[in-house]
């Protein structure tokens, strides 16, 4: 039986490669993109279109990232709150469209939100499994795969940047310091886009 999973497709290098790896393993992959603007949506659609060549979905779900950022505290934990919110929204969408797990392009320690304590704090926001096929890869390995599969050139194009990243993001998040943030209403903002 083919496992259906929902990927958080950012438009960057890593998430597209993670999708490719799971497609190669025979998974059915759907895509969710948190839009930072028209450039980020365009990149995500083009990446999803390229991944369709490897068996990926013919649609992508898009939600404004700004609506999530409005809800999260602006402090050293902002990135952890944001990722927890993304995973929570993804979990709600996954339940609606029948996905058994979530997929991210996280690679251990590559950015502040990808330390072990932070990943643990982020995963605690959801009940659904979060798959991270790139967790032990280094950046050169990921870039090599991206070039092989044709996603690299799309991923490195200039896109929209997040303006909410704190100057000194937490790297050792403690669950006891995380306040609840209700993002349940945001799943209603998700828009489905068909991919040619």
N, C-alpha and C. Protein backbone atom coordinates (compact mmCIF):
# COMPACT_ATOMS: atom_id res chain seq x y z
N UNK A 1 0.84 -1.19 0.00
CA UNK A 1 0.00 0.00 0.00
C UNK A 1 0.88 1.25 0.00
N UNK A 2 0.57 2.20 -0.88
CA UNK A 2 1.36 3.42 -1.00
C UNK A 2 1.02 4.40 0.12
N UNK A 3 2.06 4.91 0.80
CA UNK A 3 1.83 5.89 1.87
C UNK A 3 1.70 7.28 1.27
N UNK A 4 0.66 8.01 1.69
CA UNK A 4 0.44 9.38 1.24
C UNK A 4 0.93 10.32 2.33
N UNK A 5 1.81 11.26 1.95
CA UNK A 5 2.38 12.19 2.92
C UNK A 5 2.24 13.62 2.43
N UNK A 6 2.27 14.56 3.37
CA UNK A 6 2.15 15.99 3.05
C UNK A 6 3.48 16.67 3.36
N UNK A 7 4.09 17.23 2.32
CA UNK A 7 5.39 17.89 2.46
C UNK A 7 5.24 19.38 2.65
N UNK A 8 6.04 19.94 3.54
CA UNK A 8 6.18 21.39 3.65
C UNK A 8 7.22 21.80 2.62
N UNK A 9 6.77 22.33 1.50
CA UNK A 9 7.64 22.68 0.37
C UNK A 9 7.92 24.18 0.44
N UNK A 10 9.15 24.55 0.80
CA UNK A 10 9.47 25.95 1.06
C UNK A 10 9.80 26.76 -0.19
N UNK A 11 10.39 26.13 -1.17
CA UNK A 11 10.94 26.85 -2.31
C UNK A 11 12.45 26.84 -2.27
N UNK A 12 13.02 26.40 -1.14
CA UNK A 12 14.47 26.29 -1.01
C UNK A 12 14.98 24.95 -1.54
N UNK A 13 16.26 24.69 -1.31
CA UNK A 13 16.90 23.50 -1.85
C UNK A 13 16.45 22.23 -1.13
N UNK A 14 16.42 22.27 0.19
CA UNK A 14 16.27 21.05 0.98
C UNK A 14 14.92 20.37 0.86
N UNK A 15 13.85 21.14 0.95
CA UNK A 15 12.53 20.50 0.97
C UNK A 15 12.22 19.77 -0.33
N UNK A 16 12.66 20.33 -1.47
CA UNK A 16 12.42 19.66 -2.75
C UNK A 16 13.17 18.35 -2.82
N UNK A 17 14.41 18.32 -2.29
CA UNK A 17 15.20 17.09 -2.29
C UNK A 17 14.55 16.05 -1.37
N UNK A 18 14.05 16.49 -0.22
CA UNK A 18 13.35 15.57 0.68
C UNK A 18 12.14 14.94 -0.01
N UNK A 19 11.42 15.76 -0.77
CA UNK A 19 10.26 15.24 -1.52
C UNK A 19 10.70 14.19 -2.53
N UNK A 20 11.76 14.49 -3.26
CA UNK A 20 12.29 13.55 -4.26
C UNK A 20 12.65 12.21 -3.61
N UNK A 21 13.33 12.26 -2.47
CA UNK A 21 13.74 11.03 -1.79
C UNK A 21 12.54 10.17 -1.43
N UNK A 22 11.48 10.80 -0.92
CA UNK A 22 10.30 10.03 -0.52
C UNK A 22 9.50 9.57 -1.73
N UNK A 23 9.51 10.34 -2.82
CA UNK A 23 8.88 9.88 -4.07
C UNK A 23 9.61 8.64 -4.58
N UNK A 24 10.93 8.67 -4.50
CA UNK A 24 11.75 7.54 -4.94
C UNK A 24 11.47 6.29 -4.11
N UNK A 25 11.06 6.51 -2.84
CA UNK A 25 10.72 5.38 -1.97
C UNK A 25 9.30 4.87 -2.21
N UNK A 26 8.59 5.50 -3.14
CA UNK A 26 7.26 5.03 -3.50
C UNK A 26 6.11 5.71 -2.78
N UNK A 27 6.41 6.78 -2.05
CA UNK A 27 5.36 7.53 -1.35
C UNK A 27 4.61 8.43 -2.34
N UNK A 28 3.36 8.68 -2.03
CA UNK A 28 2.57 9.67 -2.74
C UNK A 28 2.73 10.98 -1.97
N UNK A 29 3.26 12.02 -2.62
CA UNK A 29 3.59 13.26 -1.92
C UNK A 29 2.70 14.42 -2.38
N UNK A 30 2.01 15.03 -1.41
CA UNK A 30 1.26 16.27 -1.61
C UNK A 30 2.12 17.41 -1.07
N UNK A 31 1.81 18.66 -1.47
CA UNK A 31 2.66 19.79 -1.10
C UNK A 31 1.86 20.90 -0.41
N UNK A 32 2.47 21.47 0.64
CA UNK A 32 1.92 22.65 1.32
C UNK A 32 3.02 23.71 1.34
N UNK A 33 2.68 24.90 0.84
CA UNK A 33 3.65 26.01 0.80
C UNK A 33 3.12 27.17 1.62
N UNK A 34 3.96 27.70 2.52
CA UNK A 34 3.62 28.89 3.29
C UNK A 34 4.19 30.08 2.52
N UNK A 35 3.31 30.82 1.86
CA UNK A 35 3.70 31.87 0.93
C UNK A 35 4.23 33.11 1.63
N UNK A 36 5.40 33.57 1.16
CA UNK A 36 5.96 34.83 1.64
C UNK A 36 5.76 35.92 0.60
N UNK A 37 5.09 35.60 -0.50
CA UNK A 37 4.86 36.55 -1.57
C UNK A 37 4.76 35.83 -2.90
N UNK A 38 4.54 36.57 -3.97
CA UNK A 38 4.33 35.95 -5.28
C UNK A 38 5.56 35.20 -5.77
N UNK A 39 6.77 35.69 -5.45
CA UNK A 39 7.99 35.01 -5.89
C UNK A 39 8.12 33.64 -5.23
N UNK A 40 7.78 33.57 -3.93
CA UNK A 40 7.90 32.28 -3.24
C UNK A 40 6.87 31.29 -3.77
N UNK A 41 5.67 31.76 -4.08
CA UNK A 41 4.64 30.87 -4.63
C UNK A 41 5.06 30.36 -6.00
N UNK A 42 5.59 31.26 -6.83
CA UNK A 42 6.04 30.88 -8.17
C UNK A 42 7.12 29.80 -8.10
N UNK A 43 8.09 29.98 -7.19
CA UNK A 43 9.15 28.99 -7.04
C UNK A 43 8.58 27.65 -6.58
N UNK A 44 7.69 27.67 -5.60
CA UNK A 44 7.12 26.43 -5.07
C UNK A 44 6.33 25.69 -6.15
N UNK A 45 5.57 26.43 -6.96
CA UNK A 45 4.80 25.79 -8.03
C UNK A 45 5.75 25.16 -9.05
N UNK A 46 6.82 25.87 -9.40
CA UNK A 46 7.78 25.32 -10.37
C UNK A 46 8.51 24.11 -9.81
N UNK A 47 8.81 24.12 -8.51
CA UNK A 47 9.44 22.95 -7.89
C UNK A 47 8.48 21.76 -7.90
N UNK A 48 7.23 22.01 -7.54
CA UNK A 48 6.24 20.94 -7.54
C UNK A 48 6.03 20.38 -8.94
N UNK A 49 6.08 21.26 -9.94
CA UNK A 49 5.96 20.84 -11.33
C UNK A 49 7.13 19.94 -11.72
N UNK A 50 8.34 20.31 -11.31
CA UNK A 50 9.53 19.48 -11.58
C UNK A 50 9.41 18.14 -10.86
N UNK A 51 8.96 18.15 -9.63
CA UNK A 51 8.81 16.92 -8.85
C UNK A 51 7.72 16.00 -9.43
N UNK A 52 6.80 16.59 -10.17
CA UNK A 52 5.76 15.80 -10.83
C UNK A 52 6.38 14.80 -11.81
N UNK A 53 7.55 15.15 -12.35
CA UNK A 53 8.27 14.25 -13.26
C UNK A 53 8.69 12.96 -12.57
N UNK A 54 8.79 13.01 -11.23
CA UNK A 54 9.20 11.84 -10.45
C UNK A 54 8.01 11.18 -9.74
N UNK A 55 6.81 11.62 -10.10
CA UNK A 55 5.61 11.01 -9.53
C UNK A 55 4.88 11.85 -8.50
N UNK A 56 5.30 13.10 -8.34
CA UNK A 56 4.67 13.97 -7.35
C UNK A 56 3.25 14.39 -7.72
N UNK A 57 2.58 14.98 -6.79
CA UNK A 57 1.18 15.40 -6.94
C UNK A 57 1.00 16.47 -8.02
N UNK A 58 -0.19 16.52 -8.56
CA UNK A 58 -0.54 17.54 -9.55
C UNK A 58 -1.18 18.76 -8.94
N UNK A 59 -0.96 18.95 -7.63
CA UNK A 59 -1.52 20.14 -6.97
C UNK A 59 -0.61 20.55 -5.81
N UNK A 60 -0.76 21.80 -5.43
CA UNK A 60 -0.03 22.33 -4.28
C UNK A 60 -1.01 23.18 -3.47
N UNK A 61 -0.90 23.09 -2.16
CA UNK A 61 -1.73 23.90 -1.27
C UNK A 61 -0.89 25.08 -0.79
N UNK A 62 -1.49 26.27 -0.77
CA UNK A 62 -0.76 27.49 -0.42
C UNK A 62 -1.52 28.25 0.67
N UNK A 63 -0.75 28.77 1.62
CA UNK A 63 -1.34 29.58 2.70
C UNK A 63 -0.40 30.76 2.97
N UNK A 64 -0.93 31.95 3.27
CA UNK A 64 -0.06 33.10 3.54
C UNK A 64 0.74 32.93 4.85
N UNK A 65 2.03 32.97 4.75
CA UNK A 65 2.91 32.87 5.92
C UNK A 65 2.66 34.03 6.89
N UNK A 66 2.33 35.19 6.34
CA UNK A 66 2.13 36.38 7.16
C UNK A 66 1.02 36.19 8.19
N UNK A 67 0.00 35.40 7.83
CA UNK A 67 -1.11 35.19 8.77
C UNK A 67 -0.66 34.36 9.97
N UNK A 68 0.26 33.45 9.74
CA UNK A 68 0.82 32.66 10.85
C UNK A 68 1.71 33.55 11.72
N UNK A 69 2.57 34.35 11.09
CA UNK A 69 3.50 35.21 11.84
C UNK A 69 2.76 36.21 12.72
N UNK A 70 1.57 36.64 12.29
CA UNK A 70 0.76 37.56 13.12
C UNK A 70 0.44 36.95 14.48
N UNK A 71 0.36 35.62 14.55
CA UNK A 71 -0.08 34.95 15.77
C UNK A 71 1.05 34.55 16.71
N UNK A 72 2.28 34.45 16.21
CA UNK A 72 3.35 33.92 17.05
C UNK A 72 4.08 35.02 17.81
N UNK A 73 4.55 34.71 19.04
CA UNK A 73 5.31 35.70 19.80
C UNK A 73 6.58 36.10 19.08
N UNK A 74 6.97 37.35 19.22
CA UNK A 74 8.20 37.86 18.58
C UNK A 74 9.30 37.93 19.64
N UNK A 75 10.03 36.85 19.77
CA UNK A 75 11.13 36.78 20.72
C UNK A 75 12.14 35.75 20.22
N UNK A 76 13.01 35.27 21.06
CA UNK A 76 14.03 34.29 20.63
C UNK A 76 13.40 32.99 20.14
N UNK A 77 12.15 32.73 20.54
CA UNK A 77 11.46 31.50 20.16
C UNK A 77 10.63 31.64 18.88
N UNK A 78 10.69 32.77 18.21
CA UNK A 78 9.83 33.01 17.05
C UNK A 78 9.90 31.88 16.02
N UNK A 79 11.10 31.44 15.66
CA UNK A 79 11.24 30.40 14.64
C UNK A 79 10.65 29.07 15.09
N UNK A 80 10.80 28.76 16.37
CA UNK A 80 10.23 27.52 16.92
C UNK A 80 8.70 27.61 16.89
N UNK A 81 8.16 28.76 17.32
CA UNK A 81 6.69 28.95 17.25
C UNK A 81 6.19 28.84 15.82
N UNK A 82 6.93 29.45 14.91
CA UNK A 82 6.53 29.42 13.51
C UNK A 82 6.49 27.99 12.98
N UNK A 83 7.54 27.23 13.26
CA UNK A 83 7.60 25.84 12.78
C UNK A 83 6.51 25.00 13.43
N UNK A 84 6.25 25.22 14.72
CA UNK A 84 5.18 24.51 15.40
C UNK A 84 3.84 24.83 14.73
N UNK A 85 3.65 26.11 14.39
CA UNK A 85 2.41 26.51 13.71
C UNK A 85 2.28 25.88 12.34
N UNK A 86 3.39 25.86 11.58
CA UNK A 86 3.37 25.23 10.26
C UNK A 86 3.00 23.75 10.36
N UNK A 87 3.63 23.06 11.31
CA UNK A 87 3.35 21.64 11.47
C UNK A 87 1.90 21.41 11.91
N UNK A 88 1.39 22.27 12.77
CA UNK A 88 -0.01 22.13 13.23
C UNK A 88 -0.99 22.32 12.08
N UNK A 89 -0.76 23.35 11.27
CA UNK A 89 -1.63 23.59 10.11
C UNK A 89 -1.51 22.42 9.12
N UNK A 90 -0.28 21.96 8.91
CA UNK A 90 -0.06 20.83 8.00
C UNK A 90 -0.77 19.58 8.51
N UNK A 91 -0.74 19.37 9.82
CA UNK A 91 -1.43 18.20 10.39
C UNK A 91 -2.94 18.27 10.12
N UNK A 92 -3.52 19.45 10.29
CA UNK A 92 -4.96 19.61 10.03
C UNK A 92 -5.28 19.35 8.56
N UNK A 93 -4.45 19.88 7.66
CA UNK A 93 -4.67 19.65 6.23
C UNK A 93 -4.46 18.18 5.89
N UNK A 94 -3.44 17.57 6.48
CA UNK A 94 -3.16 16.15 6.23
C UNK A 94 -4.37 15.28 6.59
N UNK A 95 -5.02 15.61 7.69
CA UNK A 95 -6.21 14.86 8.10
C UNK A 95 -7.32 15.02 7.07
N UNK A 96 -7.46 16.22 6.51
CA UNK A 96 -8.51 16.48 5.52
C UNK A 96 -8.28 15.74 4.22
N UNK A 97 -7.01 15.61 3.79
CA UNK A 97 -6.73 15.04 2.48
C UNK A 97 -6.18 13.61 2.55
N UNK A 98 -6.17 13.05 3.76
CA UNK A 98 -5.81 11.65 3.91
C UNK A 98 -4.33 11.32 3.89
N UNK A 99 -3.50 12.20 4.44
CA UNK A 99 -2.06 11.93 4.51
C UNK A 99 -1.71 11.34 5.88
N UNK A 100 -0.80 10.35 5.87
CA UNK A 100 -0.45 9.63 7.09
C UNK A 100 0.72 10.25 7.85
N UNK A 101 1.47 11.14 7.20
CA UNK A 101 2.65 11.74 7.84
C UNK A 101 2.96 13.07 7.17
N UNK A 102 3.80 13.86 7.85
CA UNK A 102 4.30 15.11 7.29
C UNK A 102 5.75 14.90 6.87
N UNK A 103 6.23 15.76 5.99
CA UNK A 103 7.59 15.66 5.46
C UNK A 103 8.23 17.04 5.46
N UNK A 104 9.46 17.13 5.99
CA UNK A 104 10.19 18.39 5.94
C UNK A 104 11.59 18.16 5.39
N UNK A 105 12.26 19.23 5.03
CA UNK A 105 13.63 19.16 4.53
C UNK A 105 14.66 19.44 5.61
N UNK A 106 14.29 19.25 6.87
CA UNK A 106 15.21 19.54 7.97
C UNK A 106 16.49 18.70 7.87
N UNK A 107 17.62 19.36 8.12
CA UNK A 107 18.92 18.72 8.17
C UNK A 107 19.55 19.17 9.49
N UNK A 108 19.99 18.24 10.29
CA UNK A 108 20.38 18.52 11.67
C UNK A 108 21.40 19.65 11.78
N UNK A 109 21.01 20.68 12.54
CA UNK A 109 21.92 21.77 12.87
C UNK A 109 22.16 22.79 11.77
N UNK A 110 21.46 22.65 10.64
CA UNK A 110 21.73 23.56 9.52
C UNK A 110 21.30 24.99 9.82
N UNK A 111 20.17 25.14 10.49
CA UNK A 111 19.71 26.46 10.96
C UNK A 111 19.24 26.30 12.40
N UNK A 112 18.97 27.42 13.05
CA UNK A 112 18.64 27.41 14.48
C UNK A 112 17.44 26.52 14.82
N UNK A 113 16.44 26.46 13.93
CA UNK A 113 15.24 25.67 14.24
C UNK A 113 15.49 24.18 14.09
N UNK A 114 16.69 23.78 13.63
CA UNK A 114 16.95 22.37 13.35
C UNK A 114 17.97 21.73 14.30
N UNK A 115 18.03 22.23 15.54
CA UNK A 115 18.80 21.55 16.58
C UNK A 115 17.90 20.48 17.20
N UNK A 116 18.49 19.52 17.89
CA UNK A 116 17.67 18.45 18.48
C UNK A 116 16.65 19.00 19.47
N UNK A 117 17.02 19.88 20.40
CA UNK A 117 16.00 20.41 21.32
C UNK A 117 14.87 21.16 20.59
N UNK A 118 15.23 21.90 19.54
CA UNK A 118 14.21 22.65 18.80
C UNK A 118 13.30 21.71 18.00
N UNK A 119 13.88 20.70 17.36
CA UNK A 119 13.06 19.73 16.63
C UNK A 119 12.09 19.02 17.57
N UNK A 120 12.57 18.70 18.76
CA UNK A 120 11.70 18.05 19.75
C UNK A 120 10.54 18.97 20.14
N UNK A 121 10.84 20.25 20.37
CA UNK A 121 9.80 21.21 20.73
C UNK A 121 8.81 21.42 19.59
N UNK A 122 9.30 21.38 18.36
CA UNK A 122 8.42 21.55 17.19
C UNK A 122 7.52 20.33 17.01
N UNK A 123 8.10 19.14 17.12
CA UNK A 123 7.32 17.90 16.95
C UNK A 123 6.24 17.75 18.02
N UNK A 124 6.47 18.34 19.19
CA UNK A 124 5.51 18.21 20.28
C UNK A 124 4.18 18.90 19.97
N UNK A 125 4.16 19.73 18.92
CA UNK A 125 2.93 20.44 18.54
C UNK A 125 1.95 19.55 17.78
N UNK A 126 2.42 18.39 17.31
CA UNK A 126 1.57 17.53 16.48
C UNK A 126 1.60 16.09 16.97
N UNK A 127 0.59 15.33 16.56
CA UNK A 127 0.51 13.90 16.88
C UNK A 127 0.97 13.05 15.69
N UNK A 128 0.91 13.62 14.51
CA UNK A 128 1.22 12.91 13.28
C UNK A 128 2.76 12.76 13.14
N UNK A 129 3.25 11.67 12.56
CA UNK A 129 4.71 11.54 12.37
C UNK A 129 5.26 12.63 11.43
N UNK A 130 6.46 13.10 11.74
CA UNK A 130 7.16 14.07 10.88
C UNK A 130 8.39 13.38 10.32
N UNK A 131 8.41 13.16 9.02
CA UNK A 131 9.54 12.49 8.36
C UNK A 131 10.59 13.51 7.96
N UNK A 132 11.86 13.17 8.18
CA UNK A 132 12.98 14.06 7.85
C UNK A 132 14.08 13.26 7.16
N UNK A 133 13.91 12.93 5.89
CA UNK A 133 14.89 12.07 5.22
C UNK A 133 16.28 12.68 5.07
N UNK A 134 16.41 14.00 5.23
CA UNK A 134 17.71 14.65 5.06
C UNK A 134 18.44 14.89 6.39
N UNK A 135 17.94 14.37 7.48
CA UNK A 135 18.43 14.74 8.81
C UNK A 135 19.95 14.57 8.96
N UNK A 136 20.54 13.55 8.32
CA UNK A 136 21.97 13.34 8.46
C UNK A 136 22.80 13.77 7.27
N UNK A 137 22.17 14.42 6.30
CA UNK A 137 22.88 14.87 5.09
C UNK A 137 23.60 16.19 5.37
N UNK A 138 24.74 16.42 4.70
CA UNK A 138 25.33 17.75 4.76
C UNK A 138 24.88 18.53 3.53
N UNK A 139 25.15 19.83 3.53
CA UNK A 139 24.63 20.70 2.47
C UNK A 139 25.15 20.31 1.09
N UNK A 140 26.41 19.91 1.00
CA UNK A 140 26.96 19.53 -0.31
C UNK A 140 26.24 18.32 -0.89
N UNK A 141 25.90 17.35 -0.03
CA UNK A 141 25.16 16.17 -0.50
C UNK A 141 23.79 16.57 -1.03
N UNK A 142 23.13 17.45 -0.30
CA UNK A 142 21.78 17.89 -0.69
C UNK A 142 21.84 18.66 -2.01
N UNK A 143 22.80 19.55 -2.13
CA UNK A 143 22.96 20.32 -3.37
C UNK A 143 23.25 19.38 -4.55
N UNK A 144 24.07 18.36 -4.33
CA UNK A 144 24.37 17.41 -5.38
C UNK A 144 23.13 16.72 -5.91
N UNK A 145 22.25 16.30 -5.01
CA UNK A 145 21.00 15.65 -5.43
C UNK A 145 20.11 16.66 -6.15
N UNK A 146 20.02 17.88 -5.61
CA UNK A 146 19.18 18.92 -6.23
C UNK A 146 19.62 19.19 -7.67
N UNK A 147 20.92 19.20 -7.91
CA UNK A 147 21.42 19.42 -9.27
C UNK A 147 21.07 18.24 -10.17
N UNK A 148 21.17 17.04 -9.65
CA UNK A 148 20.85 15.83 -10.43
C UNK A 148 19.38 15.79 -10.86
N UNK A 149 18.50 16.24 -9.98
CA UNK A 149 17.06 16.11 -10.26
C UNK A 149 16.46 17.36 -10.91
N UNK A 150 17.26 18.42 -11.06
CA UNK A 150 16.79 19.60 -11.76
C UNK A 150 16.04 20.62 -10.93
N UNK A 151 16.16 20.54 -9.59
CA UNK A 151 15.48 21.53 -8.75
C UNK A 151 16.40 22.64 -8.27
N UNK A 152 17.70 22.43 -8.37
CA UNK A 152 18.67 23.38 -7.79
C UNK A 152 18.54 24.78 -8.37
N UNK A 153 18.50 24.89 -9.68
CA UNK A 153 18.46 26.22 -10.32
C UNK A 153 17.20 26.99 -9.93
N UNK A 154 16.09 26.28 -9.77
CA UNK A 154 14.85 26.94 -9.34
C UNK A 154 15.00 27.41 -7.90
N UNK A 155 15.51 26.53 -7.04
CA UNK A 155 15.61 26.82 -5.60
C UNK A 155 16.50 28.00 -5.28
N UNK A 156 17.56 28.23 -6.08
CA UNK A 156 18.49 29.31 -5.74
C UNK A 156 18.09 30.67 -6.30
N UNK A 157 17.01 30.71 -7.07
CA UNK A 157 16.53 32.00 -7.56
C UNK A 157 16.12 32.88 -6.38
N UNK A 158 16.29 34.16 -6.53
CA UNK A 158 15.92 35.09 -5.46
C UNK A 158 14.42 34.99 -5.21
N UNK A 159 14.07 34.92 -3.96
CA UNK A 159 12.66 34.83 -3.58
C UNK A 159 12.34 35.80 -2.46
N UNK A 160 11.19 35.63 -1.88
CA UNK A 160 10.76 36.46 -0.76
C UNK A 160 11.36 35.91 0.54
N UNK A 161 11.83 36.78 1.40
CA UNK A 161 12.48 36.38 2.65
C UNK A 161 11.58 36.61 3.85
N UNK A 162 11.77 35.82 4.89
CA UNK A 162 11.04 36.02 6.14
C UNK A 162 11.68 37.17 6.91
N UNK A 163 10.86 38.11 7.34
CA UNK A 163 11.38 39.27 8.07
C UNK A 163 11.24 39.10 9.59
N UNK A 164 10.73 37.95 10.03
CA UNK A 164 10.47 37.76 11.46
C UNK A 164 11.57 37.00 12.20
N UNK A 165 12.64 36.61 11.49
CA UNK A 165 13.70 35.84 12.14
C UNK A 165 14.41 36.72 13.18
N UNK A 166 14.47 36.25 14.45
CA UNK A 166 15.14 37.07 15.49
C UNK A 166 16.65 37.10 15.30
N UNK A 167 17.30 38.12 15.89
CA UNK A 167 18.75 38.23 15.78
C UNK A 167 19.46 37.09 16.49
N UNK A 168 18.93 36.67 17.62
CA UNK A 168 19.53 35.57 18.39
C UNK A 168 18.49 34.49 18.66
N UNK A 169 18.17 33.68 17.65
CA UNK A 169 17.15 32.66 17.86
C UNK A 169 17.58 31.59 18.85
N UNK A 170 16.63 31.07 19.59
CA UNK A 170 16.92 30.02 20.57
C UNK A 170 17.39 28.76 19.83
N UNK A 171 18.36 28.08 20.40
CA UNK A 171 18.83 26.82 19.81
C UNK A 171 18.57 25.63 20.74
N UNK A 172 18.20 25.92 22.00
CA UNK A 172 17.90 24.85 22.96
C UNK A 172 16.53 25.11 23.58
N UNK A 173 15.51 24.98 22.75
CA UNK A 173 14.14 25.27 23.20
C UNK A 173 13.73 24.34 24.34
N UNK A 174 12.97 24.90 25.28
CA UNK A 174 12.42 24.13 26.40
C UNK A 174 10.91 24.17 26.28
N UNK A 175 10.30 22.99 26.26
CA UNK A 175 8.84 22.92 26.14
C UNK A 175 8.14 23.70 27.24
N UNK A 176 8.74 23.74 28.42
CA UNK A 176 8.12 24.44 29.55
C UNK A 176 8.02 25.95 29.31
N UNK A 177 8.81 26.49 28.37
CA UNK A 177 8.80 27.92 28.09
C UNK A 177 7.91 28.30 26.90
N UNK A 178 7.31 27.29 26.25
CA UNK A 178 6.50 27.56 25.06
C UNK A 178 5.04 27.75 25.44
N UNK A 179 4.49 28.88 25.00
CA UNK A 179 3.09 29.19 25.28
C UNK A 179 2.22 28.63 24.15
N UNK A 180 0.99 28.26 24.44
CA UNK A 180 0.11 27.76 23.38
C UNK A 180 -0.27 28.86 22.39
N UNK A 181 -0.27 28.53 21.11
CA UNK A 181 -0.69 29.46 20.05
C UNK A 181 -1.74 28.73 19.22
N UNK A 182 -2.92 29.30 19.12
CA UNK A 182 -4.01 28.65 18.39
C UNK A 182 -4.00 29.06 16.93
N UNK A 183 -3.67 28.11 16.06
CA UNK A 183 -3.61 28.37 14.61
C UNK A 183 -4.71 27.64 13.86
N UNK A 184 -5.66 27.05 14.59
CA UNK A 184 -6.66 26.19 13.96
C UNK A 184 -7.48 26.89 12.88
N UNK A 185 -7.74 28.18 13.03
CA UNK A 185 -8.54 28.89 12.03
C UNK A 185 -7.81 29.11 10.72
N UNK A 186 -6.48 29.01 10.74
CA UNK A 186 -5.71 29.31 9.54
C UNK A 186 -5.85 28.25 8.45
N UNK A 187 -6.19 27.03 8.81
CA UNK A 187 -6.31 25.99 7.79
C UNK A 187 -7.40 26.33 6.78
N UNK A 188 -8.34 27.16 7.18
CA UNK A 188 -9.42 27.59 6.27
C UNK A 188 -8.88 28.51 5.17
N UNK A 189 -7.69 29.07 5.35
CA UNK A 189 -7.10 29.98 4.35
C UNK A 189 -6.32 29.25 3.26
N UNK A 190 -6.19 27.95 3.41
CA UNK A 190 -5.40 27.17 2.45
C UNK A 190 -6.11 27.17 1.09
N UNK A 191 -5.33 27.48 0.05
CA UNK A 191 -5.84 27.51 -1.33
C UNK A 191 -5.17 26.38 -2.11
N UNK A 192 -5.96 25.64 -2.87
CA UNK A 192 -5.42 24.57 -3.70
C UNK A 192 -5.14 25.09 -5.11
N UNK A 193 -3.94 24.81 -5.61
CA UNK A 193 -3.55 25.23 -6.97
C UNK A 193 -3.17 23.99 -7.77
N UNK A 194 -3.76 23.85 -8.95
CA UNK A 194 -3.45 22.73 -9.84
C UNK A 194 -2.12 23.00 -10.54
N UNK A 195 -1.34 21.95 -10.75
CA UNK A 195 -0.04 22.07 -11.42
C UNK A 195 -0.14 21.42 -12.79
N UNK A 196 0.30 22.15 -13.81
CA UNK A 196 0.29 21.60 -15.18
C UNK A 196 1.38 20.55 -15.35
